[in-house]
Amino acid sequence: QVQLVESGGGLVQAGGSLRLSCAASGRTFSSYVMGWVRQAPGKEREIVATIWSDSSTRSADSVKGRFTISRDNAKNTVYLQMNSLKPEDTAVYYCAARRTLLGDFAYWGQGTQVTVSS
């Protein structure tokens, strides 16, 4: 089992940047598929970006070209660099993990709030 702790959320103006971090416990972090998932009030949960153990990535169309997911296996940490932020990016961002290549995320962090003002 892995425990996840996010940090780096906050309030930023439109056009600004934030970097979220997610620290994971456990010795097998490098084998996990990691992701960032967001949920805004009244909206469905959205998988923002996913990174596999070989560092291949996939991002939602809504954030392509603006958000970048990365991982540092030596630090057991996954990042989400968010640039050119828009008010519609406002949401609670969750770090998530799973052991399988595909499927639902099984482990979740507590979430961190990102608010983008116009």
N, C-alpha and C. Protein backbone atom coordinates (compact mmCIF):
# COMPACT_ATOMS: atom_id res chain seq x y z
N GLN A 1 0.85 -1.18 0.00
CA GLN A 1 0.00 0.00 0.00
C GLN A 1 0.89 1.24 0.00
N VAL A 2 0.42 2.30 -0.60
CA VAL A 2 1.18 3.53 -0.68
C VAL A 2 0.35 4.67 -0.11
N GLN A 3 1.01 5.57 0.60
CA GLN A 3 0.35 6.77 1.11
C GLN A 3 0.85 7.98 0.35
N LEU A 4 -0.07 8.89 0.06
CA LEU A 4 0.24 10.03 -0.80
C LEU A 4 -0.08 11.33 -0.08
N VAL A 5 0.83 12.29 -0.17
CA VAL A 5 0.63 13.59 0.47
C VAL A 5 0.95 14.68 -0.55
N GLU A 6 -0.08 15.47 -0.90
CA GLU A 6 0.11 16.55 -1.87
C GLU A 6 0.52 17.85 -1.19
N SER A 7 1.16 18.71 -1.95
CA SER A 7 1.48 20.05 -1.49
C SER A 7 1.62 20.95 -2.71
N GLY A 8 1.59 22.26 -2.47
CA GLY A 8 1.86 23.21 -3.55
C GLY A 8 0.65 23.94 -4.09
N GLY A 9 -0.53 23.63 -3.60
CA GLY A 9 -1.71 24.35 -4.07
C GLY A 9 -1.75 25.77 -3.54
N GLY A 10 -2.72 26.55 -4.01
CA GLY A 10 -2.84 27.91 -3.54
C GLY A 10 -3.66 28.76 -4.47
N LEU A 11 -3.55 30.06 -4.28
CA LEU A 11 -4.28 31.05 -5.07
C LEU A 11 -3.30 31.71 -6.04
N VAL A 12 -3.68 31.78 -7.31
CA VAL A 12 -2.83 32.38 -8.32
C VAL A 12 -3.70 33.12 -9.32
N GLN A 13 -3.15 34.15 -9.92
CA GLN A 13 -3.88 34.89 -10.95
C GLN A 13 -3.85 34.13 -12.27
N ALA A 14 -4.83 34.37 -13.09
CA ALA A 14 -4.86 33.77 -14.42
C ALA A 14 -3.58 34.10 -15.17
N GLY A 15 -3.04 33.10 -15.84
CA GLY A 15 -1.78 33.26 -16.55
C GLY A 15 -0.57 32.87 -15.73
N GLY A 16 -0.77 32.67 -14.44
CA GLY A 16 0.32 32.31 -13.56
C GLY A 16 0.63 30.83 -13.57
N SER A 17 1.55 30.45 -12.68
CA SER A 17 2.01 29.06 -12.61
C SER A 17 2.01 28.56 -11.18
N LEU A 18 1.86 27.26 -11.05
CA LEU A 18 2.00 26.57 -9.77
C LEU A 18 2.63 25.21 -10.05
N ARG A 19 3.33 24.69 -9.05
CA ARG A 19 3.82 23.32 -9.15
C ARG A 19 3.31 22.53 -7.96
N LEU A 20 2.58 21.49 -8.25
CA LEU A 20 2.11 20.58 -7.21
C LEU A 20 3.11 19.44 -7.04
N SER A 21 3.25 19.01 -5.80
CA SER A 21 4.10 17.87 -5.48
C SER A 21 3.29 16.83 -4.74
N CYS A 22 3.68 15.59 -4.93
CA CYS A 22 3.02 14.49 -4.23
C CYS A 22 4.11 13.54 -3.75
N ALA A 23 4.25 13.47 -2.43
CA ALA A 23 5.24 12.58 -1.83
C ALA A 23 4.58 11.25 -1.49
N ALA A 24 5.21 10.18 -1.91
CA ALA A 24 4.66 8.84 -1.69
C ALA A 24 5.51 8.04 -0.74
N SER A 25 4.85 7.24 0.06
CA SER A 25 5.58 6.33 0.94
C SER A 25 5.83 5.01 0.22
N GLY A 26 6.66 4.18 0.79
CA GLY A 26 6.85 2.85 0.24
C GLY A 26 8.11 2.72 -0.59
N ARG A 27 8.54 1.46 -0.76
CA ARG A 27 9.79 1.18 -1.44
C ARG A 27 9.61 0.89 -2.92
N THR A 28 8.38 0.76 -3.36
CA THR A 28 8.14 0.36 -4.75
C THR A 28 7.49 1.47 -5.55
N PHE A 29 7.76 2.70 -5.18
CA PHE A 29 7.15 3.85 -5.85
C PHE A 29 7.37 3.80 -7.34
N SER A 30 8.55 3.42 -7.76
CA SER A 30 8.90 3.47 -9.18
C SER A 30 8.02 2.55 -10.03
N SER A 31 7.41 1.58 -9.42
CA SER A 31 6.57 0.64 -10.17
C SER A 31 5.12 1.10 -10.30
N TYR A 32 4.75 2.14 -9.57
CA TYR A 32 3.37 2.61 -9.60
C TYR A 32 3.11 3.52 -10.79
N VAL A 33 1.91 3.43 -11.31
CA VAL A 33 1.39 4.42 -12.24
C VAL A 33 0.82 5.56 -11.38
N MET A 34 1.25 6.77 -11.66
CA MET A 34 0.84 7.92 -10.86
C MET A 34 0.00 8.87 -11.70
N GLY A 35 -0.89 9.57 -11.02
CA GLY A 35 -1.73 10.51 -11.75
C GLY A 35 -2.15 11.70 -10.91
N TRP A 36 -2.60 12.72 -11.59
CA TRP A 36 -3.23 13.87 -10.96
C TRP A 36 -4.67 13.93 -11.46
N VAL A 37 -5.58 14.05 -10.52
CA VAL A 37 -7.02 14.07 -10.82
C VAL A 37 -7.60 15.31 -10.14
N ARG A 38 -8.47 16.02 -10.83
CA ARG A 38 -9.05 17.21 -10.22
C ARG A 38 -10.56 17.12 -10.21
N GLN A 39 -11.14 17.83 -9.27
CA GLN A 39 -12.59 17.92 -9.19
C GLN A 39 -12.99 19.32 -8.78
N ALA A 40 -13.75 19.95 -9.63
CA ALA A 40 -14.29 21.27 -9.36
C ALA A 40 -15.72 21.13 -8.86
N PRO A 41 -16.20 22.11 -8.11
CA PRO A 41 -17.56 22.05 -7.59
C PRO A 41 -18.59 21.88 -8.70
N GLY A 42 -19.45 20.90 -8.55
CA GLY A 42 -20.51 20.69 -9.52
C GLY A 42 -20.06 20.02 -10.80
N LYS A 43 -18.81 19.62 -10.87
CA LYS A 43 -18.29 18.98 -12.09
C LYS A 43 -17.80 17.57 -11.78
N GLU A 44 -17.71 16.78 -12.84
CA GLU A 44 -17.20 15.43 -12.67
C GLU A 44 -15.68 15.44 -12.47
N ARG A 45 -15.22 14.40 -11.82
CA ARG A 45 -13.78 14.25 -11.63
C ARG A 45 -13.10 14.09 -12.99
N GLU A 46 -11.94 14.71 -13.13
CA GLU A 46 -11.21 14.66 -14.40
C GLU A 46 -9.77 14.21 -14.15
N ILE A 47 -9.33 13.21 -14.91
CA ILE A 47 -7.93 12.81 -14.84
C ILE A 47 -7.13 13.82 -15.65
N VAL A 48 -6.29 14.57 -14.97
CA VAL A 48 -5.53 15.64 -15.61
C VAL A 48 -4.32 15.08 -16.35
N ALA A 49 -3.57 14.22 -15.68
CA ALA A 49 -2.37 13.67 -16.29
C ALA A 49 -1.99 12.38 -15.59
N THR A 50 -1.34 11.50 -16.37
CA THR A 50 -0.90 10.21 -15.86
C THR A 50 0.54 9.98 -16.30
N ILE A 51 1.33 9.34 -15.42
CA ILE A 51 2.69 8.99 -15.77
C ILE A 51 2.95 7.55 -15.37
N TRP A 52 3.47 6.77 -16.31
CA TRP A 52 3.75 5.37 -16.06
C TRP A 52 5.18 5.20 -15.52
N SER A 53 5.51 3.96 -15.17
CA SER A 53 6.81 3.71 -14.55
C SER A 53 7.95 3.98 -15.52
N ASP A 54 7.70 3.91 -16.81
CA ASP A 54 8.75 4.22 -17.80
C ASP A 54 8.77 5.71 -18.15
N SER A 55 8.00 6.50 -17.39
CA SER A 55 7.90 7.95 -17.55
C SER A 55 7.14 8.40 -18.79
N SER A 56 6.48 7.48 -19.45
CA SER A 56 5.57 7.91 -20.50
C SER A 56 4.38 8.60 -19.84
N THR A 57 3.80 9.54 -20.56
CA THR A 57 2.74 10.35 -19.96
C THR A 57 1.54 10.48 -20.88
N ARG A 58 0.44 10.86 -20.30
CA ARG A 58 -0.77 11.19 -21.03
C ARG A 58 -1.44 12.33 -20.28
N SER A 59 -1.93 13.32 -21.04
CA SER A 59 -2.59 14.47 -20.42
C SER A 59 -3.96 14.69 -21.03
N ALA A 60 -4.83 15.27 -20.26
CA ALA A 60 -6.16 15.62 -20.77
C ALA A 60 -6.02 16.73 -21.81
N ASP A 61 -6.93 16.71 -22.78
CA ASP A 61 -6.88 17.75 -23.82
C ASP A 61 -6.98 19.15 -23.22
N SER A 62 -7.70 19.27 -22.12
CA SER A 62 -7.93 20.58 -21.52
C SER A 62 -6.66 21.21 -20.95
N VAL A 63 -5.62 20.41 -20.75
CA VAL A 63 -4.39 20.94 -20.15
C VAL A 63 -3.16 20.75 -21.03
N LYS A 64 -3.32 20.10 -22.18
CA LYS A 64 -2.17 19.86 -23.04
C LYS A 64 -1.49 21.16 -23.44
N GLY A 65 -0.16 21.14 -23.35
CA GLY A 65 0.61 22.33 -23.68
C GLY A 65 0.76 23.29 -22.51
N ARG A 66 0.02 23.04 -21.43
CA ARG A 66 0.09 23.94 -20.25
C ARG A 66 0.57 23.21 -19.00
N PHE A 67 0.17 21.96 -18.82
CA PHE A 67 0.52 21.18 -17.63
C PHE A 67 1.50 20.08 -18.01
N THR A 68 2.43 19.80 -17.12
CA THR A 68 3.41 18.73 -17.34
C THR A 68 3.52 17.88 -16.08
N ILE A 69 3.35 16.59 -16.24
CA ILE A 69 3.54 15.66 -15.12
C ILE A 69 4.92 15.05 -15.23
N SER A 70 5.56 14.87 -14.08
CA SER A 70 6.88 14.24 -14.05
C SER A 70 7.04 13.50 -12.73
N ARG A 71 8.07 12.68 -12.67
CA ARG A 71 8.31 11.93 -11.45
C ARG A 71 9.80 11.86 -11.16
N ASP A 72 10.12 11.78 -9.88
CA ASP A 72 11.49 11.59 -9.43
C ASP A 72 11.47 10.36 -8.53
N ASN A 73 11.85 9.23 -9.07
CA ASN A 73 11.76 7.98 -8.31
C ASN A 73 12.73 7.96 -7.13
N ALA A 74 13.82 8.68 -7.23
CA ALA A 74 14.77 8.73 -6.11
C ALA A 74 14.17 9.45 -4.91
N LYS A 75 13.23 10.34 -5.18
CA LYS A 75 12.59 11.11 -4.10
C LYS A 75 11.17 10.64 -3.81
N ASN A 76 10.73 9.59 -4.49
CA ASN A 76 9.37 9.09 -4.31
C ASN A 76 8.34 10.21 -4.48
N THR A 77 8.53 11.02 -5.51
CA THR A 77 7.69 12.20 -5.68
C THR A 77 7.23 12.33 -7.13
N VAL A 78 6.01 12.75 -7.29
CA VAL A 78 5.47 13.08 -8.61
C VAL A 78 5.05 14.56 -8.58
N TYR A 79 5.24 15.21 -9.71
CA TYR A 79 4.98 16.65 -9.81
C TYR A 79 3.94 16.94 -10.88
N LEU A 80 3.30 18.07 -10.73
CA LEU A 80 2.45 18.61 -11.79
C LEU A 80 2.80 20.09 -11.94
N GLN A 81 3.50 20.40 -13.01
CA GLN A 81 3.82 21.79 -13.31
C GLN A 81 2.67 22.37 -14.11
N MET A 82 2.07 23.43 -13.60
CA MET A 82 0.90 24.03 -14.23
C MET A 82 1.25 25.45 -14.64
N ASN A 83 1.23 25.70 -15.94
CA ASN A 83 1.51 27.02 -16.49
C ASN A 83 0.28 27.58 -17.19
N SER A 84 0.30 28.87 -17.43
CA SER A 84 -0.81 29.53 -18.14
C SER A 84 -2.15 29.14 -17.54
N LEU A 85 -2.22 29.23 -16.24
CA LEU A 85 -3.43 28.79 -15.54
C LEU A 85 -4.63 29.65 -15.90
N LYS A 86 -5.79 29.00 -15.94
CA LYS A 86 -7.05 29.64 -16.28
C LYS A 86 -8.03 29.50 -15.11
N PRO A 87 -9.00 30.38 -15.00
CA PRO A 87 -10.00 30.23 -13.92
C PRO A 87 -10.67 28.86 -13.93
N GLU A 88 -10.84 28.29 -15.10
CA GLU A 88 -11.49 26.97 -15.17
C GLU A 88 -10.60 25.84 -14.67
N ASP A 89 -9.36 26.13 -14.34
CA ASP A 89 -8.48 25.13 -13.71
C ASP A 89 -8.71 25.05 -12.20
N THR A 90 -9.53 25.96 -11.67
CA THR A 90 -9.82 25.95 -10.24
C THR A 90 -10.49 24.63 -9.85
N ALA A 91 -9.90 23.96 -8.86
CA ALA A 91 -10.39 22.64 -8.44
C ALA A 91 -9.57 22.15 -7.27
N VAL A 92 -10.03 21.08 -6.67
CA VAL A 92 -9.19 20.33 -5.74
C VAL A 92 -8.42 19.30 -6.58
N TYR A 93 -7.12 19.30 -6.42
CA TYR A 93 -6.26 18.39 -7.18
C TYR A 93 -5.80 17.26 -6.26
N TYR A 94 -6.03 16.04 -6.73
CA TYR A 94 -5.67 14.85 -5.98
C TYR A 94 -4.54 14.11 -6.68
N CYS A 95 -3.60 13.64 -5.91
CA CYS A 95 -2.59 12.71 -6.38
C CYS A 95 -3.16 11.30 -6.23
N ALA A 96 -2.89 10.45 -7.21
CA ALA A 96 -3.45 9.10 -7.19
C ALA A 96 -2.42 8.11 -7.71
N ALA A 97 -2.60 6.85 -7.32
CA ALA A 97 -1.64 5.82 -7.72
C ALA A 97 -2.36 4.49 -7.96
N ARG A 98 -1.76 3.69 -8.80
CA ARG A 98 -2.25 2.32 -8.98
C ARG A 98 -1.08 1.43 -9.39
N ARG A 99 -1.25 0.12 -9.20
CA ARG A 99 -0.20 -0.82 -9.57
C ARG A 99 -0.33 -1.30 -11.01
N THR A 100 -1.55 -1.25 -11.53
CA THR A 100 -1.82 -1.81 -12.85
C THR A 100 -1.57 -0.79 -13.95
N LEU A 101 -1.23 -1.26 -15.14
CA LEU A 101 -0.98 -0.35 -16.25
C LEU A 101 -2.22 0.46 -16.61
N LEU A 102 -3.36 -0.19 -16.53
CA LEU A 102 -4.62 0.46 -16.87
C LEU A 102 -5.61 0.24 -15.73
N GLY A 103 -6.68 0.99 -15.75
CA GLY A 103 -7.71 0.79 -14.73
C GLY A 103 -7.83 1.97 -13.81
N ASP A 104 -8.62 1.79 -12.77
CA ASP A 104 -8.88 2.87 -11.83
C ASP A 104 -7.71 3.04 -10.87
N PHE A 105 -7.53 4.29 -10.42
CA PHE A 105 -6.55 4.54 -9.38
C PHE A 105 -7.07 3.96 -8.06
N ALA A 106 -6.14 3.36 -7.31
CA ALA A 106 -6.53 2.67 -6.08
C ALA A 106 -6.18 3.44 -4.82
N TYR A 107 -5.22 4.32 -4.94
CA TYR A 107 -4.73 5.05 -3.77
C TYR A 107 -4.82 6.54 -4.06
N TRP A 108 -5.22 7.29 -3.01
CA TRP A 108 -5.50 8.72 -3.20
C TRP A 108 -4.89 9.54 -2.06
N GLY A 109 -4.44 10.74 -2.41
CA GLY A 109 -4.05 11.70 -1.41
C GLY A 109 -5.26 12.46 -0.90
N GLN A 110 -5.01 13.41 -0.01
CA GLN A 110 -6.11 14.15 0.62
C GLN A 110 -6.58 15.32 -0.24
N GLY A 111 -5.80 15.69 -1.24
CA GLY A 111 -6.17 16.77 -2.13
C GLY A 111 -5.59 18.10 -1.72
N THR A 112 -5.36 18.94 -2.72
CA THR A 112 -4.88 20.30 -2.46
C THR A 112 -5.66 21.26 -3.36
N GLN A 113 -6.08 22.38 -2.79
CA GLN A 113 -6.92 23.34 -3.51
C GLN A 113 -6.07 24.23 -4.40
N VAL A 114 -6.50 24.35 -5.64
CA VAL A 114 -5.91 25.32 -6.57
C VAL A 114 -7.02 26.27 -6.99
N THR A 115 -6.78 27.56 -6.78
CA THR A 115 -7.76 28.58 -7.15
C THR A 115 -7.10 29.58 -8.07
N VAL A 116 -7.70 29.77 -9.23
CA VAL A 116 -7.16 30.70 -10.22
C VAL A 116 -8.15 31.85 -10.36
N SER A 117 -7.69 33.05 -10.05
CA SER A 117 -8.54 34.23 -10.12
C SER A 117 -8.41 34.90 -11.49
N SER A 118 -9.50 35.49 -11.92
CA SER A 118 -9.49 36.15 -13.24
C SER A 118 -9.07 37.60 -13.14
